Amino acid sequence: MISNGKVKAYSGQGNFVGNFAGFLLVFFMLVGSIVALNFWDLDQVWIPGLIFIGLYGGAFFVAKEIIGRSDSLEQQDLHGEHGEPLDAMASRATSSRESAAEPHVR
């Protein structure tokens, strides 16, 4: 994640309240889906079943598609060709240009 033009190592740093609220939301959706199965009966199949599927699928959807998008970037690529950070690639390119221009004398 990029913040103020700098790459943060971990996107959840300093966001305890937001992370905890997201965890509670997803956790209660999962627990609610299990509780909905307690109302499963041969007379009542569709309503608890649809509630279970909605909450269970919704918990994974919220966690993966909404909360889990904090690490996506639209403007800047963080990694180079072989997974190297871009700064390492730039420094290697600079050092290789310098070494090609000036032969080493020992």
C-alpha atoms as a PDB file:
ATOM      1  CA  MET A   1       0.000   0.000   0.000  1.00  0.00           C
ATOM      2  CA  ILE A   2       1.275   3.450  -0.809  1.00  0.00           C
ATOM      3  CA  SER A   3       0.745   6.210   1.728  1.00  0.00           C
ATOM      4  CA  ASN A   4       2.134   9.716   1.170  1.00  0.00           C
ATOM      5  CA  GLY A   5       4.274   8.447  -1.690  1.00  0.00           C
ATOM      6  CA  LYS A   6       5.968   5.758   0.420  1.00  0.00           C
ATOM      7  CA  VAL A   7       5.340   2.048   0.406  1.00  0.00           C
ATOM      8  CA  LYS A   8       4.127   0.679   3.744  1.00  0.00           C
ATOM      9  CA  ALA A   9       5.465  -2.761   4.607  1.00  0.00           C
ATOM     10  CA  TYR A  10       2.195  -3.961   6.132  1.00  0.00           C
ATOM     11  CA  SER A  11      -1.091  -2.424   5.099  1.00  0.00           C
ATOM     12  CA  GLY A  12      -2.732  -2.993   8.487  1.00  0.00           C
ATOM     13  CA  GLN A  13      -0.197  -1.078  10.545  1.00  0.00           C
ATOM     14  CA  GLY A  14      -1.826   1.408  12.878  1.00  0.00           C
ATOM     15  CA  ASN A  15      -5.372   0.404  11.927  1.00  0.00           C
ATOM     16  CA  PHE A  16      -6.304  -1.779  14.892  1.00  0.00           C
ATOM     17  CA  VAL A  17      -9.838  -0.427  15.296  1.00  0.00           C
ATOM     18  CA  GLY A  18     -10.668  -0.878  11.609  1.00  0.00           C
ATOM     19  CA  ASN A  19      -9.095  -4.329  11.467  1.00  0.00           C
ATOM     20  CA  PHE A  20     -10.905  -5.428  14.625  1.00  0.00           C
ATOM     21  CA  ALA A  21     -14.254  -4.088  13.356  1.00  0.00           C
ATOM     22  CA  GLY A  22     -13.776  -5.958  10.065  1.00  0.00           C
ATOM     23  CA  PHE A  23     -12.892  -9.133  11.943  1.00  0.00           C
ATOM     24  CA  LEU A  24     -15.988  -8.821  14.148  1.00  0.00           C
ATOM     25  CA  LEU A  25     -18.226  -8.249  11.122  1.00  0.00           C
ATOM     26  CA  VAL A  26     -16.963 -11.344   9.326  1.00  0.00           C
ATOM     27  CA  PHE A  27     -16.914 -13.433  12.512  1.00  0.00           C
ATOM     28  CA  PHE A  28     -20.517 -12.555  13.399  1.00  0.00           C
ATOM     29  CA  MET A  29     -21.613 -13.340   9.851  1.00  0.00           C
ATOM     30  CA  LEU A  30     -20.027 -16.799  10.158  1.00  0.00           C
ATOM     31  CA  VAL A  31     -21.551 -17.387  13.600  1.00  0.00           C
ATOM     32  CA  GLY A  32     -24.920 -16.124  12.316  1.00  0.00           C
ATOM     33  CA  SER A  33     -24.800 -18.612   9.467  1.00  0.00           C
ATOM     34  CA  ILE A  34     -24.231 -21.465  11.944  1.00  0.00           C
ATOM     35  CA  VAL A  35     -27.058 -20.204  14.159  1.00  0.00           C
ATOM     36  CA  ALA A  36     -29.356 -20.157  11.124  1.00  0.00           C
ATOM     37  CA  LEU A  37     -28.776 -23.893  10.732  1.00  0.00           C
ATOM     38  CA  ASN A  38     -30.253 -24.430  14.225  1.00  0.00           C
ATOM     39  CA  PHE A  39     -33.630 -23.434  12.794  1.00  0.00           C
ATOM     40  CA  TRP A  40     -33.365 -26.030  10.021  1.00  0.00           C
ATOM     41  CA  ASP A  41     -36.394 -28.305  10.176  1.00  0.00           C
ATOM     42  CA  LEU A  42     -38.205 -30.542   7.718  1.00  0.00           C
ATOM     43  CA  ASP A  43     -41.059 -28.044   7.728  1.00  0.00           C
ATOM     44  CA  GLN A  44     -38.763 -25.025   7.466  1.00  0.00           C
ATOM     45  CA  VAL A  45     -36.009 -25.733   4.959  1.00  0.00           C
ATOM     46  CA  TRP A  46     -35.796 -22.807   2.570  1.00  0.00           C
ATOM     47  CA  ILE A  47     -35.689 -19.809   4.891  1.00  0.00           C
ATOM     48  CA  PRO A  48     -32.884 -21.051   7.216  1.00  0.00           C
ATOM     49  CA  GLY A  49     -31.053 -22.528   4.230  1.00  0.00           C
ATOM     50  CA  LEU A  50     -31.098 -19.276   2.268  1.00  0.00           C
ATOM     51  CA  ILE A  51     -30.101 -17.289   5.350  1.00  0.00           C
ATOM     52  CA  PHE A  52     -27.204 -19.713   5.924  1.00  0.00           C
ATOM     53  CA  ILE A  53     -25.995 -19.500   2.323  1.00  0.00           C
ATOM     54  CA  GLY A  54     -26.327 -15.718   2.288  1.00  0.00           C
ATOM     55  CA  LEU A  55     -24.428 -15.145   5.532  1.00  0.00           C
ATOM     56  CA  TYR A  56     -21.787 -17.810   4.881  1.00  0.00           C
ATOM     57  CA  GLY A  57     -21.098 -16.644   1.346  1.00  0.00           C
ATOM     58  CA  GLY A  58     -21.324 -13.010   2.408  1.00  0.00           C
ATOM     59  CA  ALA A  59     -18.674 -13.498   5.086  1.00  0.00           C
ATOM     60  CA  PHE A  60     -16.182 -14.759   2.516  1.00  0.00           C
ATOM     61  CA  PHE A  61     -17.190 -12.117  -0.020  1.00  0.00           C
ATOM     62  CA  VAL A  62     -16.733  -9.280   2.492  1.00  0.00           C
ATOM     63  CA  ALA A  63     -13.393 -10.658   3.684  1.00  0.00           C
ATOM     64  CA  LYS A  64     -11.972 -11.306   0.224  1.00  0.00           C
ATOM     65  CA  GLU A  65     -13.449  -8.642  -2.015  1.00  0.00           C
ATOM     66  CA  ILE A  66     -14.058  -5.673   0.286  1.00  0.00           C
ATOM     67  CA  ILE A  67     -11.654  -5.899   3.220  1.00  0.00           C
ATOM     68  CA  GLY A  68      -8.911  -7.730   1.318  1.00  0.00           C
ATOM     69  CA  ARG A  69      -8.457  -5.014  -1.331  1.00  0.00           C
ATOM     70  CA  SER A  70      -6.187  -2.833   0.773  1.00  0.00           C
ATOM     71  CA  ASP A  71      -3.065  -4.244  -0.871  1.00  0.00           C
ATOM     72  CA  SER A  72      -4.084  -3.584  -4.474  1.00  0.00           C
ATOM     73  CA  LEU A  73      -2.411  -0.780  -6.370  1.00  0.00           C
ATOM     74  CA  GLU A  74      -3.664   1.015  -9.421  1.00  0.00           C
ATOM     75  CA  GLN A  75      -0.889   3.517 -10.044  1.00  0.00           C
ATOM     76  CA  GLN A  76       2.495   2.099  -9.099  1.00  0.00           C
ATOM     77  CA  ASP A  77       4.070  -1.317  -9.476  1.00  0.00           C
ATOM     78  CA  LEU A  78       5.985  -2.383  -6.376  1.00  0.00           C
ATOM     79  CA  HIS A  79       7.938  -5.298  -7.826  1.00  0.00           C
ATOM     80  CA  GLY A  80      10.198  -5.679 -10.773  1.00  0.00           C
ATOM     81  CA  GLU A  81      10.702  -8.530 -13.175  1.00  0.00           C
ATOM     82  CA  HIS A  82      11.765 -11.189 -10.657  1.00  0.00           C
ATOM     83  CA  GLY A  83       9.917  -9.935  -7.582  1.00  0.00           C
ATOM     84  CA  GLU A  84      12.622  -7.466  -6.623  1.00  0.00           C
ATOM     85  CA  PRO A  85      11.613  -4.124  -5.150  1.00  0.00           C
ATOM     86  CA  LEU A  86      11.824  -1.347  -7.714  1.00  0.00           C
ATOM     87  CA  ASP A  87      14.393   0.555  -5.629  1.00  0.00           C
ATOM     88  CA  ALA A  88      16.740  -2.423  -5.771  1.00  0.00           C
ATOM     89  CA  MET A  89      16.347  -2.597  -9.541  1.00  0.00           C
ATOM     90  CA  ALA A  90      17.060   1.127  -9.898  1.00  0.00           C
ATOM     91  CA  SER A  91      20.138   0.931  -7.707  1.00  0.00           C
ATOM     92  CA  ARG A  92      21.394  -2.129  -9.602  1.00  0.00           C
ATOM     93  CA  ALA A  93      20.844  -0.380 -12.942  1.00  0.00           C
ATOM     94  CA  THR A  94      22.663   2.699 -11.695  1.00  0.00           C
ATOM     95  CA  SER A  95      25.583   0.664 -10.406  1.00  0.00           C
ATOM     96  CA  SER A  96      25.798  -1.347 -13.625  1.00  0.00           C
ATOM     97  CA  ARG A  97      25.843   1.861 -15.691  1.00  0.00           C
ATOM     98  CA  GLU A  98      28.572   3.291 -13.489  1.00  0.00           C
ATOM     99  CA  SER A  99      30.641   0.113 -13.722  1.00  0.00           C
ATOM    100  CA  ALA A 100      30.266  -0.014 -17.520  1.00  0.00           C
ATOM    101  CA  ALA A 101      31.377   3.625 -17.881  1.00  0.00           C
ATOM    102  CA  GLU A 102      34.395   3.357 -15.590  1.00  0.00           C
ATOM    103  CA  PRO A 103      36.567   0.257 -15.854  1.00  0.00           C
ATOM    104  CA  HIS A 104      37.891  -1.094 -12.568  1.00  0.00           C
ATOM    105  CA  VAL A 105      41.608  -0.698 -12.110  1.00  0.00           C
ATOM    106  CA  ARG A 106      43.247  -2.800  -9.433  1.00  0.00           C
END
